[in-house]
C-alpha atoms as a PDB file:
ATOM      1  CA  MET A   1      14.589-139.078 -82.739  1.00  0.00           C
ATOM      2  CA  ASN A   2      15.577-135.979 -84.715  1.00  0.00           C
ATOM      3  CA  GLU A   3      17.114-137.404 -87.897  1.00  0.00           C
ATOM      4  CA  GLY A   4      15.263-134.861 -90.050  1.00  0.00           C
ATOM      5  CA  ARG A   5      17.476-132.059 -88.749  1.00  0.00           C
ATOM      6  CA  CYS A   6      20.576-133.364 -90.552  1.00  0.00           C
ATOM      7  CA  VAL A   7      22.022-130.736 -92.949  1.00  0.00           C
ATOM      8  CA  LYS A   8      24.478-133.189 -94.571  1.00  0.00           C
ATOM      9  CA  CYS A   9      27.485-131.089 -93.567  1.00  0.00           C
ATOM     10  CA  GLY A  10      29.781-134.050 -92.851  1.00  0.00           C
ATOM     11  CA  SER A  11      30.896-132.782 -89.442  1.00  0.00           C
ATOM     12  CA  CYS A  12      30.054-136.111 -87.826  1.00  0.00           C
ATOM     13  CA  LEU A  13      32.123-137.977 -90.407  1.00  0.00           C
ATOM     14  CA  ARG A  14      35.184-135.832 -89.788  1.00  0.00           C
ATOM     15  CA  ALA A  15      34.819-136.283 -86.024  1.00  0.00           C
ATOM     16  CA  CYS A  16      34.383-140.077 -86.083  1.00  0.00           C
ATOM     17  CA  PRO A  17      37.513-141.811 -84.723  1.00  0.00           C
ATOM     18  CA  VAL A  18      36.652-145.082 -86.438  1.00  0.00           C
ATOM     19  CA  LEU A  19      36.275-143.578 -89.905  1.00  0.00           C
ATOM     20  CA  ASN A  20      39.545-141.740 -89.408  1.00  0.00           C
ATOM     21  CA  ASP A  21      41.424-144.930 -88.510  1.00  0.00           C
ATOM     22  CA  PRO A  22      42.880-147.075 -91.317  1.00  0.00           C
ATOM     23  CA  SER A  23      41.112-150.154 -89.928  1.00  0.00           C
ATOM     24  CA  GLY A  24      37.701-148.507 -89.764  1.00  0.00           C
ATOM     25  CA  THR A  25      36.868-148.148 -93.438  1.00  0.00           C
ATOM     26  CA  GLN A  26      34.075-150.756 -93.241  1.00  0.00           C
ATOM     27  CA  PHE A  27      32.057-148.654 -90.814  1.00  0.00           C
ATOM     28  CA  PRO A  28      29.242-146.957 -92.782  1.00  0.00           C
ATOM     29  CA  GLY A  29      29.680-143.841 -90.646  1.00  0.00           C
ATOM     30  CA  PRO A  30      27.496-142.011 -88.129  1.00  0.00           C
ATOM     31  CA  ARG A  31      25.383-140.284 -90.766  1.00  0.00           C
ATOM     32  CA  THR A  32      24.417-143.547 -92.452  1.00  0.00           C
ATOM     33  CA  VAL A  33      23.900-145.457 -89.211  1.00  0.00           C
ATOM     34  CA  GLY A  34      22.453-142.634 -87.125  1.00  0.00           C
ATOM     35  CA  VAL A  35      20.476-140.664 -89.702  1.00  0.00           C
ATOM     36  CA  ASP A  36      19.701-142.547 -92.926  1.00  0.00           C
ATOM     37  CA  ALA A  37      19.437-146.178 -91.854  1.00  0.00           C
ATOM     38  CA  PRO A  38      16.749-145.685 -89.190  1.00  0.00           C
ATOM     39  CA  ARG A  39      14.469-143.985 -91.745  1.00  0.00           C
ATOM     40  CA  PHE A  40      15.115-145.667 -95.073  1.00  0.00           C
ATOM     41  CA  LEU A  41      15.805-149.056 -96.621  1.00  0.00           C
ATOM     42  CA  GLU A  42      19.374-149.054 -95.306  1.00  0.00           C
ATOM     43  CA  LYS A  43      18.047-150.353 -91.984  1.00  0.00           C
ATOM     44  CA  GLY A  44      17.852-153.861 -93.350  1.00  0.00           C
ATOM     45  CA  SER A  45      21.176-153.831 -95.145  1.00  0.00           C
ATOM     46  CA  VAL A  46      23.754-152.122 -92.917  1.00  0.00           C
ATOM     47  CA  GLY A  47      24.386-155.392 -91.096  1.00  0.00           C
ATOM     48  CA  GLN A  48      27.050-155.952 -88.479  1.00  0.00           C
ATOM     49  CA  ASN A  49      29.245-153.149 -89.787  1.00  0.00           C
ATOM     50  CA  ALA A  50      26.792-150.811 -88.063  1.00  0.00           C
ATOM     51  CA  LEU A  51      28.336-152.062 -84.818  1.00  0.00           C
ATOM     52  CA  ARG A  52      31.735-150.615 -85.763  1.00  0.00           C
ATOM     53  CA  CYS A  53      31.119-147.626 -83.535  1.00  0.00           C
ATOM     54  CA  THR A  54      32.624-146.960 -80.109  1.00  0.00           C
ATOM     55  CA  MET A  55      29.652-144.843 -78.985  1.00  0.00           C
ATOM     56  CA  CYS A  56      32.114-142.093 -78.083  1.00  0.00           C
ATOM     57  CA  HIS A  57      29.611-139.262 -78.732  1.00  0.00           C
ATOM     58  CA  ALA A  58      32.185-137.359 -80.832  1.00  0.00           C
ATOM     59  CA  CYS A  59      29.723-137.168 -83.741  1.00  0.00           C
ATOM     60  CA  GLU A  60      27.081-135.603 -81.508  1.00  0.00           C
ATOM     61  CA  TRP A  61      29.503-133.000 -80.231  1.00  0.00           C
ATOM     62  CA  ALA A  62      30.462-132.071 -83.785  1.00  0.00           C
ATOM     63  CA  CYS A  63      26.884-131.908 -85.098  1.00  0.00           C
ATOM     64  CA  PRO A  64      25.740-128.300 -85.657  1.00  0.00           C
ATOM     65  CA  SER A  65      22.108-129.429 -85.539  1.00  0.00           C
ATOM     66  CA  GLY A  66      22.421-130.979 -82.099  1.00  0.00           C
ATOM     67  CA  MET A  67      21.234-134.381 -83.247  1.00  0.00           C
ATOM     68  CA  THR A  68      21.174-137.289 -80.803  1.00  0.00           C
ATOM     69  CA  LEU A  69      23.132-139.575 -83.111  1.00  0.00           C
ATOM     70  CA  THR A  70      24.254-142.018 -80.440  1.00  0.00           C
ATOM     71  CA  ARG A  71      20.702-142.585 -79.246  1.00  0.00           C
ATOM     72  CA  SER A  72      19.605-143.170 -82.823  1.00  0.00           C
ATOM     73  CA  MET A  73      22.395-145.691 -83.369  1.00  0.00           C
ATOM     74  CA  LEU A  74      21.450-147.512 -80.170  1.00  0.00           C
ATOM     75  CA  GLN A  75      17.880-147.780 -81.379  1.00  0.00           C
ATOM     76  CA  LEU A  76      19.033-149.169 -84.709  1.00  0.00           C
ATOM     77  CA  ARG A  77      21.193-151.774 -82.989  1.00  0.00           C
ATOM     78  CA  SER A  78      18.193-152.995 -81.015  1.00  0.00           C
ATOM     79  CA  GLU A  79      16.350-153.569 -84.300  1.00  0.00           C
ATOM     80  CA  LEU A  80      19.114-155.349 -86.213  1.00  0.00           C
ATOM     81  CA  SER A  81      18.600-159.024 -86.863  1.00  0.00           C
ATOM     82  CA  GLY A  82      21.230-161.671 -87.412  1.00  0.00           C
ATOM     83  CA  ASP A  83      23.838-163.612 -85.497  1.00  0.00           C
ATOM     84  CA  LEU A  84      25.960-161.932 -82.861  1.00  0.00           C
ATOM     85  CA  LEU A  85      29.672-161.546 -83.460  1.00  0.00           C
ATOM     86  CA  PRO A  86      31.818-164.184 -81.695  1.00  0.00           C
ATOM     87  CA  GLY A  87      33.094-161.753 -79.058  1.00  0.00           C
ATOM     88  CA  HIS A  88      29.607-160.469 -78.404  1.00  0.00           C
ATOM     89  CA  ARG A  89      28.293-164.026 -78.039  1.00  0.00           C
ATOM     90  CA  ARG A  90      30.933-164.691 -75.387  1.00  0.00           C
ATOM     91  CA  MET A  91      29.934-161.538 -73.555  1.00  0.00           C
ATOM     92  CA  VAL A  92      26.240-162.459 -73.608  1.00  0.00           C
ATOM     93  CA  GLY A  93      27.070-166.000 -72.491  1.00  0.00           C
ATOM     94  CA  ASN A  94      29.057-164.667 -69.548  1.00  0.00           C
ATOM     95  CA  VAL A  95      26.215-162.389 -68.477  1.00  0.00           C
ATOM     96  CA  ALA A  96      23.706-165.203 -68.793  1.00  0.00           C
ATOM     97  CA  SER A  97      25.940-167.534 -66.752  1.00  0.00           C
ATOM     98  CA  PHE A  98      27.168-165.307 -63.927  1.00  0.00           C
ATOM     99  CA  GLY A  99      25.829-161.810 -64.449  1.00  0.00           C
ATOM    100  CA  ARG A 100      28.913-160.017 -65.783  1.00  0.00           C
ATOM    101  CA  THR A 101      30.523-159.596 -69.193  1.00  0.00           C
ATOM    102  CA  VAL A 102      33.845-161.112 -68.087  1.00  0.00           C
ATOM    103  CA  ALA A 103      34.746-163.731 -65.501  1.00  0.00           C
ATOM    104  CA  THR A 104      34.885-162.234 -62.013  1.00  0.00           C
ATOM    105  CA  GLU A 105      38.272-162.562 -60.327  1.00  0.00           C
ATOM    106  CA  PHE A 106      37.770-160.058 -57.510  1.00  0.00           C
ATOM    107  CA  ASN A 107      37.403-161.625 -54.066  1.00  0.00           C
ATOM    108  CA  GLY A 108      37.494-158.626 -51.742  1.00  0.00           C
ATOM    109  CA  TRP A 109      33.741-158.308 -51.375  1.00  0.00           C
ATOM    110  CA  ARG A 110      32.469-155.964 -48.675  1.00  0.00           C
ATOM    111  CA  GLU A 111      28.876-156.689 -47.683  1.00  0.00           C
ATOM    112  CA  GLU A 112      28.464-155.080 -44.274  1.00  0.00           C
ATOM    113  CA  GLY A 113      25.159-153.326 -44.838  1.00  0.00           C
ATOM    114  CA  GLU A 114      26.714-149.887 -45.374  1.00  0.00           C
ATOM    115  CA  ARG A 115      24.622-147.173 -47.003  1.00  0.00           C
ATOM    116  CA  VAL A 116      27.167-146.539 -49.789  1.00  0.00           C
ATOM    117  CA  LEU A 117      27.759-148.964 -52.644  1.00  0.00           C
ATOM    118  CA  TYR A 118      30.995-148.917 -54.610  1.00  0.00           C
ATOM    119  CA  PHE A 119      30.141-150.281 -58.081  1.00  0.00           C
ATOM    120  CA  PRO A 120      33.420-151.049 -59.917  1.00  0.00           C
ATOM    121  CA  GLY A 121      31.855-152.486 -63.086  1.00  0.00           C
ATOM    122  CA  CYS A 122      32.610-155.749 -64.885  1.00  0.00           C
ATOM    123  CA  ILE A 123      36.169-154.894 -65.957  1.00  0.00           C
ATOM    124  CA  GLY A 124      37.081-153.717 -62.467  1.00  0.00           C
ATOM    125  CA  LEU A 125      35.822-156.980 -61.006  1.00  0.00           C
ATOM    126  CA  GLY A 126      37.349-159.161 -63.702  1.00  0.00           C
ATOM    127  CA  ARG A 127      40.380-157.885 -65.567  1.00  0.00           C
ATOM    128  CA  LEU A 128      41.573-154.986 -63.354  1.00  0.00           C
ATOM    129  CA  THR A 129      40.982-156.044 -59.772  1.00  0.00           C
ATOM    130  CA  GLY A 130      43.919-153.931 -58.583  1.00  0.00           C
ATOM    131  CA  LEU A 131      42.057-150.840 -59.737  1.00  0.00           C
ATOM    132  CA  THR A 132      39.042-151.853 -57.644  1.00  0.00           C
ATOM    133  CA  GLU A 133      41.164-152.500 -54.579  1.00  0.00           C
ATOM    134  CA  SER A 134      42.908-149.119 -54.951  1.00  0.00           C
ATOM    135  CA  VAL A 135      39.680-147.162 -55.238  1.00  0.00           C
ATOM    136  CA  SER A 136      38.131-149.050 -52.337  1.00  0.00           C
ATOM    137  CA  SER A 137      41.152-148.224 -50.162  1.00  0.00           C
ATOM    138  CA  LEU A 138      40.954-144.591 -51.230  1.00  0.00           C
ATOM    139  CA  LEU A 139      37.277-144.420 -50.283  1.00  0.00           C
ATOM    140  CA  THR A 140      38.089-145.897 -46.899  1.00  0.00           C
ATOM    141  CA  SER A 141      40.844-143.298 -46.393  1.00  0.00           C
ATOM    142  CA  LEU A 142      38.284-140.606 -47.188  1.00  0.00           C
ATOM    143  CA  GLY A 143      36.051-141.958 -44.441  1.00  0.00           C
ATOM    144  CA  ILE A 144      33.458-143.366 -46.844  1.00  0.00           C
ATOM    145  CA  ALA A 145      32.360-146.729 -45.479  1.00  0.00           C
ATOM    146  CA  HIS A 146      31.050-148.772 -48.383  1.00  0.00           C
ATOM    147  CA  ASP A 147      29.945-152.131 -49.642  1.00  0.00           C
ATOM    148  CA  ILE A 148      31.172-153.932 -52.762  1.00  0.00           C
ATOM    149  CA  SER A 149      28.299-156.309 -53.361  1.00  0.00           C
ATOM    150  CA  ARG A 150      28.543-159.517 -55.358  1.00  0.00           C
ATOM    151  CA  GLU A 151      24.790-159.154 -55.954  1.00  0.00           C
ATOM    152  CA  ALA A 152      25.318-156.006 -58.048  1.00  0.00           C
ATOM    153  CA  LEU A 153      25.643-157.311 -61.603  1.00  0.00           C
ATOM    154  CA  CYS A 154      26.599-155.807 -64.969  1.00  0.00           C
ATOM    155  CA  CYS A 155      24.824-152.488 -65.467  1.00  0.00           C
ATOM    156  CA  GLY A 156      23.646-153.657 -68.899  1.00  0.00           C
ATOM    157  CA  SER A 157      25.311-150.938 -70.933  1.00  0.00           C
ATOM    158  CA  PRO A 158      27.497-153.360 -72.967  1.00  0.00           C
ATOM    159  CA  LEU A 159      24.391-155.362 -73.876  1.00  0.00           C
ATOM    160  CA  LEU A 160      22.485-152.313 -75.064  1.00  0.00           C
ATOM    161  CA  LYS A 161      25.479-151.404 -77.231  1.00  0.00           C
ATOM    162  CA  ILE A 162      25.071-154.679 -79.144  1.00  0.00           C
ATOM    163  CA  GLY A 163      21.283-154.644 -79.219  1.00  0.00           C
ATOM    164  CA  VAL A 164      20.594-157.337 -76.593  1.00  0.00           C
ATOM    165  CA  THR A 165      17.831-155.381 -74.911  1.00  0.00           C
ATOM    166  CA  GLU A 166      15.861-158.087 -73.092  1.00  0.00           C
ATOM    167  CA  LEU A 167      18.846-159.348 -71.124  1.00  0.00           C
ATOM    168  CA  ALA A 168      19.850-155.754 -70.364  1.00  0.00           C
ATOM    169  CA  GLU A 169      16.374-155.085 -68.985  1.00  0.00           C
ATOM    170  CA  ASP A 170      16.573-158.211 -66.837  1.00  0.00           C
ATOM    171  CA  LEU A 171      19.841-156.928 -65.355  1.00  0.00           C
ATOM    172  CA  ARG A 172      18.249-153.545 -64.713  1.00  0.00           C
ATOM    173  CA  ARG A 173      15.415-155.140 -62.741  1.00  0.00           C
ATOM    174  CA  ARG A 174      17.770-157.297 -60.695  1.00  0.00           C
ATOM    175  CA  ASN A 175      20.161-154.438 -59.974  1.00  0.00           C
ATOM    176  CA  ALA A 176      17.345-152.064 -59.057  1.00  0.00           C
ATOM    177  CA  GLU A 177      16.486-154.252 -56.083  1.00  0.00           C
ATOM    178  CA  VAL A 178      20.120-154.212 -54.936  1.00  0.00           C
ATOM    179  CA  PHE A 179      20.521-150.480 -55.473  1.00  0.00           C
ATOM    180  CA  SER A 180      17.405-149.759 -53.411  1.00  0.00           C
ATOM    181  CA  ARG A 181      19.350-150.785 -50.301  1.00  0.00           C
ATOM    182  CA  TYR A 182      21.803-147.905 -50.699  1.00  0.00           C
ATOM    183  CA  ASP A 183      21.653-144.126 -50.328  1.00  0.00           C
ATOM    184  CA  ARG A 184      24.690-143.494 -52.521  1.00  0.00           C
ATOM    185  CA  ILE A 185      26.378-145.320 -55.419  1.00  0.00           C
ATOM    186  CA  ILE A 186      29.964-144.566 -56.465  1.00  0.00           C
ATOM    187  CA  THR A 187      31.443-145.892 -59.700  1.00  0.00           C
ATOM    188  CA  SER A 188      34.826-146.175 -61.402  1.00  0.00           C
ATOM    189  CA  CYS A 189      33.520-146.688 -64.939  1.00  0.00           C
ATOM    190  CA  PRO A 190      31.982-143.592 -66.584  1.00  0.00           C
ATOM    191  CA  GLY A 191      30.023-145.899 -68.890  1.00  0.00           C
ATOM    192  CA  CYS A 192      28.388-147.434 -65.811  1.00  0.00           C
ATOM    193  CA  THR A 193      27.793-143.983 -64.340  1.00  0.00           C
ATOM    194  CA  TYR A 194      26.080-142.850 -67.534  1.00  0.00           C
ATOM    195  CA  GLN A 195      23.975-146.021 -67.676  1.00  0.00           C
ATOM    196  CA  LEU A 196      22.836-145.731 -64.067  1.00  0.00           C
ATOM    197  CA  ARG A 197      21.815-142.119 -64.580  1.00  0.00           C
ATOM    198  CA  GLU A 198      20.190-142.425 -67.993  1.00  0.00           C
ATOM    199  CA  VAL A 199      18.569-145.879 -67.790  1.00  0.00           C
ATOM    200  CA  TYR A 200      18.128-146.553 -64.067  1.00  0.00           C
ATOM    201  CA  GLY A 201      17.359-143.001 -62.976  1.00  0.00           C
ATOM    202  CA  VAL A 202      19.964-143.335 -60.222  1.00  0.00           C
ATOM    203  CA  GLU A 203      22.180-140.337 -59.449  1.00  0.00           C
ATOM    204  CA  ALA A 204      25.376-142.352 -59.340  1.00  0.00           C
ATOM    205  CA  GLU A 205      28.662-140.516 -58.766  1.00  0.00           C
ATOM    206  CA  HIS A 206      31.866-141.191 -60.630  1.00  0.00           C
ATOM    207  CA  ILE A 207      34.930-141.389 -58.384  1.00  0.00           C
ATOM    208  CA  ILE A 208      36.211-138.106 -59.820  1.00  0.00           C
ATOM    209  CA  GLU A 209      33.107-136.343 -58.530  1.00  0.00           C
ATOM    210  CA  VAL A 210      33.781-137.823 -55.101  1.00  0.00           C
ATOM    211  CA  LEU A 211      37.411-136.695 -55.089  1.00  0.00           C
ATOM    212  CA  ARG A 212      36.744-133.042 -55.908  1.00  0.00           C
ATOM    213  CA  GLY A 213      37.972-130.850 -53.082  1.00  0.00           C
ATOM    214  CA  SER A 214      39.786-133.651 -51.235  1.00  0.00           C
ATOM    215  CA  ASP A 215      43.313-133.135 -49.945  1.00  0.00           C
ATOM    216  CA  LEU A 216      45.224-135.602 -52.095  1.00  0.00           C
ATOM    217  CA  ARG A 217      48.814-136.376 -52.982  1.00  0.00           C
ATOM    218  CA  SER A 218      50.712-138.529 -55.462  1.00  0.00           C
ATOM    219  CA  ASN A 219      54.083-140.225 -55.404  1.00  0.00           C
ATOM    220  CA  LEU A 220      54.317-140.404 -59.193  1.00  0.00           C
ATOM    221  CA  GLU A 221      57.491-139.087 -60.759  1.00  0.00           C
ATOM    222  CA  GLY A 222      58.031-137.782 -64.263  1.00  0.00           C
ATOM    223  CA  ARG A 223      55.550-136.411 -66.765  1.00  0.00           C
ATOM    224  CA  TRP A 224      52.171-138.073 -67.277  1.00  0.00           C
ATOM    225  CA  ALA A 225      49.631-137.733 -70.051  1.00  0.00           C
ATOM    226  CA  LEU A 226      45.853-138.043 -69.745  1.00  0.00           C
ATOM    227  CA  GLN A 227      43.412-140.310 -71.467  1.00  0.00           C
ATOM    228  CA  VAL A 228      40.103-138.509 -70.991  1.00  0.00           C
ATOM    229  CA  PRO A 229      37.322-141.126 -71.274  1.00  0.00           C
ATOM    230  CA  CYS A 230      34.608-140.468 -73.850  1.00  0.00           C
ATOM    231  CA  HIS A 231      31.749-141.211 -71.472  1.00  0.00           C
ATOM    232  CA  LEU A 232      33.318-138.946 -68.878  1.00  0.00           C
ATOM    233  CA  LYS A 233      33.675-135.860 -71.058  1.00  0.00           C
ATOM    234  CA  ARG A 234      30.909-136.294 -73.601  1.00  0.00           C
ATOM    235  CA  GLY A 235      28.606-138.438 -71.478  1.00  0.00           C
ATOM    236  CA  LEU A 236      28.734-137.026 -67.945  1.00  0.00           C
ATOM    237  CA  SER A 237      30.116-133.529 -68.492  1.00  0.00           C
ATOM    238  CA  PRO A 238      33.205-131.724 -69.795  1.00  0.00           C
ATOM    239  CA  TRP A 239      33.659-130.225 -66.335  1.00  0.00           C
ATOM    240  CA  THR A 240      34.029-133.666 -64.800  1.00  0.00           C
ATOM    241  CA  ALA A 241      36.719-134.392 -67.370  1.00  0.00           C
ATOM    242  CA  ASP A 242      38.521-131.160 -66.465  1.00  0.00           C
ATOM    243  CA  ASP A 243      38.371-132.229 -62.830  1.00  0.00           C
ATOM    244  CA  LEU A 244      40.528-135.240 -63.743  1.00  0.00           C
ATOM    245  CA  ALA A 245      43.401-132.927 -64.657  1.00  0.00           C
ATOM    246  CA  ALA A 246      42.734-130.556 -61.771  1.00  0.00           C
ATOM    247  CA  ILE A 247      42.763-133.316 -59.143  1.00  0.00           C
ATOM    248  CA  LEU A 248      46.011-134.736 -60.456  1.00  0.00           C
ATOM    249  CA  GLY A 249      47.667-131.336 -60.683  1.00  0.00           C
ATOM    250  CA  LYS A 250      46.671-130.465 -57.127  1.00  0.00           C
ATOM    251  CA  ALA A 251      48.077-133.810 -55.956  1.00  0.00           C
ATOM    252  CA  GLY A 252      51.442-132.920 -57.492  1.00  0.00           C
ATOM    253  CA  VAL A 253      51.371-134.920 -60.721  1.00  0.00           C
ATOM    254  CA  ASP A 254      53.208-133.315 -63.644  1.00  0.00           C
ATOM    255  CA  VAL A 255      50.367-133.564 -66.189  1.00  0.00           C
ATOM    256  CA  VAL A 256      51.075-133.045 -69.880  1.00  0.00           C
ATOM    257  CA  ARG A 257      47.978-131.796 -71.711  1.00  0.00           C
ATOM    258  CA  MET A 258      47.671-132.828 -75.348  1.00  0.00           C
ATOM    259  CA  PRO A 259      45.005-132.118 -77.988  1.00  0.00           C
ATOM    260  CA  GLU A 260      44.473-135.846 -78.507  1.00  0.00           C
ATOM    261  CA  GLU A 261      43.844-136.643 -74.837  1.00  0.00           C
ATOM    262  CA  ASP A 262      40.064-136.841 -75.299  1.00  0.00           C
ATOM    263  CA  SER A 263      40.034-138.819 -78.551  1.00  0.00           C
ATOM    264  CA  CYS A 264      38.596-142.329 -78.299  1.00  0.00           C
ATOM    265  CA  CYS A 265      40.916-145.239 -77.498  1.00  0.00           C
ATOM    266  CA  GLY A 266      38.593-147.745 -79.168  1.00  0.00           C
ATOM    267  CA  GLY A 267      37.624-149.621 -76.012  1.00  0.00           C
ATOM    268  CA  GLY A 268      33.917-148.846 -75.825  1.00  0.00           C
ATOM    269  CA  GLY A 269      30.660-149.559 -77.600  1.00  0.00           C
ATOM    270  CA  GLY A 270      31.292-153.297 -77.883  1.00  0.00           C
ATOM    271  CA  MET A 271      34.243-152.602 -80.180  1.00  0.00           C
ATOM    272  CA  LEU A 272      36.838-154.277 -77.966  1.00  0.00           C
ATOM    273  CA  SER A 273      35.007-157.611 -77.969  1.00  0.00           C
ATOM    274  CA  GLY A 274      33.379-157.387 -81.398  1.00  0.00           C
ATOM    275  CA  PHE A 275      36.081-155.854 -83.578  1.00  0.00           C
ATOM    276  CA  PRO A 276      39.369-156.293 -81.699  1.00  0.00           C
ATOM    277  CA  GLU A 277      41.450-155.402 -84.763  1.00  0.00           C
ATOM    278  CA  THR A 278      39.852-151.957 -85.023  1.00  0.00           C
ATOM    279  CA  SER A 279      39.865-151.454 -81.270  1.00  0.00           C
ATOM    280  CA  GLY A 280      43.561-152.343 -81.184  1.00  0.00           C
ATOM    281  CA  SER A 281      44.382-150.059 -84.091  1.00  0.00           C
ATOM    282  CA  LEU A 282      42.738-147.079 -82.382  1.00  0.00           C
ATOM    283  CA  ALA A 283      44.598-147.846 -79.168  1.00  0.00           C
ATOM    284  CA  ARG A 284      47.948-148.220 -80.941  1.00  0.00           C
ATOM    285  CA  GLY A 285      47.478-144.820 -82.533  1.00  0.00           C
ATOM    286  CA  LYS A 286      47.009-143.270 -79.123  1.00  0.00           C
ATOM    287  CA  VAL A 287      49.906-145.170 -77.571  1.00  0.00           C
ATOM    288  CA  GLU A 288      52.192-143.889 -80.334  1.00  0.00           C
ATOM    289  CA  ILE A 289      51.116-140.319 -79.586  1.00  0.00           C
ATOM    290  CA  TYR A 290      51.945-140.806 -75.921  1.00  0.00           C
ATOM    291  CA  ARG A 291      55.248-142.477 -76.786  1.00  0.00           C
ATOM    292  CA  ARG A 292      56.317-139.533 -78.950  1.00  0.00           C
ATOM    293  CA  ALA A 293      55.444-137.173 -76.103  1.00  0.00           C
ATOM    294  CA  GLY A 294      58.013-138.917 -73.923  1.00  0.00           C
ATOM    295  CA  VAL A 295      55.753-139.334 -70.890  1.00  0.00           C
ATOM    296  CA  GLU A 296      56.118-141.921 -68.144  1.00  0.00           C
ATOM    297  CA  GLY A 297      52.620-143.210 -68.772  1.00  0.00           C
ATOM    298  CA  VAL A 298      48.960-142.362 -68.991  1.00  0.00           C
ATOM    299  CA  ILE A 299      46.393-141.648 -66.289  1.00  0.00           C
ATOM    300  CA  THR A 300      42.720-142.194 -66.983  1.00  0.00           C
ATOM    301  CA  ALA A 301      39.424-142.721 -65.170  1.00  0.00           C
ATOM    302  CA  CYS A 302      37.886-145.582 -67.127  1.00  0.00           C
ATOM    303  CA  PRO A 303      38.586-149.326 -66.847  1.00  0.00           C
ATOM    304  CA  PHE A 304      37.995-149.819 -70.574  1.00  0.00           C
ATOM    305  CA  CYS A 305      40.621-147.183 -71.420  1.00  0.00           C
ATOM    306  CA  SER A 306      43.045-148.769 -68.960  1.00  0.00           C
ATOM    307  CA  LEU A 307      42.477-152.207 -70.422  1.00  0.00           C
ATOM    308  CA  ASN A 308      42.636-151.276 -74.091  1.00  0.00           C
ATOM    309  CA  LEU A 309      45.662-148.974 -73.908  1.00  0.00           C
ATOM    310  CA  GLY A 310      47.447-151.395 -71.582  1.00  0.00           C
ATOM    311  CA  ARG A 311      47.027-154.195 -74.102  1.00  0.00           C
ATOM    312  CA  GLU A 312      48.947-152.115 -76.618  1.00  0.00           C
ATOM    313  CA  GLY A 313      51.906-151.560 -74.336  1.00  0.00           C
ATOM    314  CA  ALA A 314      51.106-148.316 -72.541  1.00  0.00           C
ATOM    315  CA  ARG A 315      51.719-147.901 -68.835  1.00  0.00           C
ATOM    316  CA  VAL A 316      48.264-146.910 -67.634  1.00  0.00           C
ATOM    317  CA  LEU A 317      47.036-145.956 -64.182  1.00  0.00           C
ATOM    318  CA  ASP A 318      43.515-145.262 -63.053  1.00  0.00           C
ATOM    319  CA  ILE A 319      43.143-142.075 -61.026  1.00  0.00           C
ATOM    320  CA  GLY A 320      42.429-144.260 -58.007  1.00  0.00           C
ATOM    321  CA  GLU A 321      45.855-145.838 -58.445  1.00  0.00           C
ATOM    322  CA  ALA A 322      47.648-142.540 -59.013  1.00  0.00           C
ATOM    323  CA  ILE A 323      46.725-140.685 -55.827  1.00  0.00           C
ATOM    324  CA  THR A 324      46.340-141.156 -52.094  1.00  0.00           C
ATOM    325  CA  LEU A 325      44.938-139.091 -49.239  1.00  0.00           C
ATOM    326  CA  LYS A 326      47.335-136.700 -47.538  1.00  0.00           C
ATOM    327  CA  HIS A 327      48.057-137.460 -43.901  1.00  0.00           C
END
């Protein structure tokens, strides 16, 4: 870790979406949780409020010293003791029972021994099965034969975000055996993509990276805003995030670019299950911005963004639902 490089400038505090939301005042802030607590006595006293972070990486991007604040906060979470929050207990119980953070409702499994695995993630297999079906159909239209394997479990990222490291490592070992059967892994969730690259050492591809250069079209009418996922822009790369807008524009979507399009919706980092009031408040703030812009809806490339913004009344489409292949 590089906590000693902090110059106490406050840039991370100004960038933090939680601290800047009226419901986030209990969060100690990225400097306390990512810099001071790991080194000093605060480690034992920050408690569960240290979990009031969406892991959006905005603090890291704002830091002039280039500190790895998110990594430091993850390490702290793994060392915290105490009971899990109710929502986090449910998530851990689900993983322990059937391998995913939410109940699986998807039933369109494809296990034909193909060399490509489409890995939708827990939300895509549980809460947003239509998203998974749309992306799978799009891959088929692109000529990419693929499996969707029921043996591929949660990537473990949500568990690491709440400090449940042993169960996350067990998932990694089980998934590694499944992944070894495939030459290529394609994801819909940028959080999963980041986890597979950083923790598994697997060069997974997000669906946006697959769609680059494809001849696509869209039947969407009206003006549409973007919700640029945090793990897409600040986890994978800003160029991948720019590709989201470029792909949609090339397909004929009237995309409205707004300064707030890459601010966090509150859906990540265990916030949605652990602190739903804060997660909802962040999402409502974004939905109000989109409402004032007068757009038809929002297009994103993250199941967590789709789920969280949709719960607050926004019309949200995943990129896989917004486009099709030209014929």
